[in-house]
């Protein structure tokens, strides 16, 4: 990835804050409105590798779609990983936001002050 990318939902205050931090830092970035342009299962796998997380770590289990699917009760084992990834690819609203991939290869779920500091 040649430049910074943010998986952004403009309706989310945390996502808007991360975008504002990138702008204030003068970062060149690409905004991906992931609800309009959902990541594929392979893109989610790549994102998880960069994040060093598992799919259940970036799943918004309190979302209505998550409750309908019953994801909170799903097993969190390596054998279930693909099930979670497919759910995220099919229902991108379940993806925690924002996710920022920096030009130098780092990735963050930029929801807290510590991760936002990494973007400055």
Protein backbone atom coordinates (compact mmCIF):
# COMPACT_ATOMS: atom_id res chain seq x y z
CA UNK A 1 0.00 0.00 0.00
CA UNK A 2 1.63 3.19 -1.17
CA UNK A 3 -0.34 5.60 0.95
CA UNK A 4 -2.42 5.76 4.08
CA UNK A 5 -5.95 4.43 3.82
CA UNK A 6 -8.84 4.84 6.23
CA UNK A 7 -11.85 2.55 6.24
CA UNK A 8 -14.31 5.30 7.05
CA UNK A 9 -17.96 5.62 7.99
CA UNK A 10 -18.86 9.32 7.90
CA UNK A 11 -21.77 8.72 10.28
CA UNK A 12 -19.41 7.50 13.03
CA UNK A 13 -17.90 10.12 15.35
CA UNK A 14 -14.79 7.99 16.02
CA UNK A 15 -14.25 7.64 12.30
CA UNK A 16 -14.68 11.39 11.73
CA UNK A 17 -12.21 12.07 14.54
CA UNK A 18 -9.57 9.78 13.01
CA UNK A 19 -10.04 11.43 9.63
CA UNK A 20 -9.62 14.86 11.23
CA UNK A 21 -6.39 13.68 12.92
CA UNK A 22 -5.04 12.52 9.56
CA UNK A 23 -5.94 15.86 7.99
CA UNK A 24 -4.42 17.86 10.86
CA UNK A 25 -1.21 15.84 10.53
CA UNK A 26 -1.08 16.69 6.83
CA UNK A 27 -1.27 13.01 5.87
CA UNK A 28 -2.05 12.05 2.32
CA UNK A 29 -4.68 9.36 2.54
CA UNK A 30 -7.34 7.51 0.64
CA UNK A 31 -10.78 7.37 2.19
CA UNK A 32 -12.59 4.10 1.67
CA UNK A 33 -16.22 4.29 2.64
CA UNK A 34 -16.32 0.63 3.44
CA UNK A 35 -20.10 0.45 3.72
CA UNK A 36 -20.36 1.57 0.07
CA UNK A 37 -17.25 -0.33 -1.05
CA UNK A 38 -17.04 -3.34 1.28
CA UNK A 39 -13.75 -5.17 1.65
CA UNK A 40 -13.59 -8.71 0.31
CA UNK A 41 -12.86 -11.66 2.56
CA UNK A 42 -9.27 -11.61 1.29
CA UNK A 43 -8.94 -7.90 2.08
CA UNK A 44 -10.26 -8.55 5.58
CA UNK A 45 -7.72 -11.36 6.03
CA UNK A 46 -4.93 -9.00 4.92
CA UNK A 47 -6.23 -6.30 7.27
CA UNK A 48 -6.30 -8.73 10.19
CA UNK A 49 -2.71 -9.74 9.48
CA UNK A 50 -1.61 -6.09 9.50
CA UNK A 51 -3.63 -5.41 12.65
CA UNK A 52 -2.40 -8.55 14.41
CA UNK A 53 -6.00 -9.29 15.38
CA UNK A 54 -8.64 -11.93 14.84
CA UNK A 55 -11.96 -11.25 13.11
CA UNK A 56 -13.91 -11.36 16.38
CA UNK A 57 -11.63 -8.59 17.68
CA UNK A 58 -12.91 -6.18 15.00
CA UNK A 59 -16.56 -7.27 15.02
CA UNK A 60 -19.21 -4.94 16.35
CA UNK A 61 -21.19 -7.58 18.22
CA UNK A 62 -23.77 -5.10 19.53
CA UNK A 63 -24.98 -4.16 16.02
CA UNK A 64 -28.49 -5.29 15.11
CA UNK A 65 -27.13 -7.45 12.26
CA UNK A 66 -24.72 -9.14 14.68
CA UNK A 67 -27.57 -9.92 17.04
CA UNK A 68 -29.65 -11.32 14.17
CA UNK A 69 -26.73 -13.54 13.15
CA UNK A 70 -26.03 -14.50 16.77
CA UNK A 71 -22.30 -13.79 16.41
CA UNK A 72 -21.80 -13.18 20.13
CA UNK A 73 -22.39 -16.90 20.64
CA UNK A 74 -20.06 -18.03 17.84
CA UNK A 75 -16.95 -19.93 18.79
CA UNK A 76 -13.69 -18.00 18.60
CA UNK A 77 -11.28 -20.66 17.43
CA UNK A 78 -9.03 -20.92 14.38
CA UNK A 79 -11.56 -23.34 12.87
CA UNK A 80 -14.24 -20.63 13.03
CA UNK A 81 -12.09 -17.80 11.66
CA UNK A 82 -13.41 -18.04 8.10
CA UNK A 83 -17.01 -17.94 9.31
CA UNK A 84 -16.31 -14.64 11.05
CA UNK A 85 -14.45 -13.22 8.06
CA UNK A 86 -17.27 -14.13 5.68
CA UNK A 87 -19.76 -12.46 8.03
CA UNK A 88 -17.68 -9.27 8.01
CA UNK A 89 -17.38 -9.34 4.22
CA UNK A 90 -21.11 -9.92 3.81
CA UNK A 91 -22.15 -7.45 6.53
CA UNK A 92 -19.52 -4.66 6.55
CA UNK A 93 -21.49 -2.69 9.15
CA UNK A 94 -20.13 -5.25 11.62
CA UNK A 95 -16.55 -4.08 11.04
CA UNK A 96 -15.15 -1.95 13.85
CA UNK A 97 -14.32 1.54 12.66
CA UNK A 98 -12.27 3.30 11.70
CA UNK A 99 -9.41 1.15 10.55
CA UNK A 100 -6.34 3.02 9.36
CA UNK A 101 -3.54 1.49 7.31
CA UNK A 102 -0.48 3.70 7.20
CA UNK A 103 1.90 4.08 4.29
CA UNK A 104 4.67 2.50 6.38
CA UNK A 105 2.70 -0.74 6.86
CA UNK A 106 1.15 -0.20 10.29
CA UNK A 107 -2.57 -0.65 10.96
CA UNK A 108 -4.83 0.53 13.76
CA UNK A 109 -8.42 0.39 14.86
CA UNK A 110 -8.28 4.12 15.57
CA UNK A 111 -10.88 4.44 18.30
CA UNK A 112 -8.83 5.58 21.29
CA UNK A 113 -6.30 8.29 22.12
CA UNK A 114 -3.36 5.89 21.97
CA UNK A 115 -4.09 4.75 18.42
CA UNK A 116 -4.91 8.30 17.34
CA UNK A 117 -1.51 9.41 18.68
CA UNK A 118 0.08 6.92 16.28
CA UNK A 119 -1.52 8.85 13.40
CA UNK A 120 -0.17 12.23 14.43
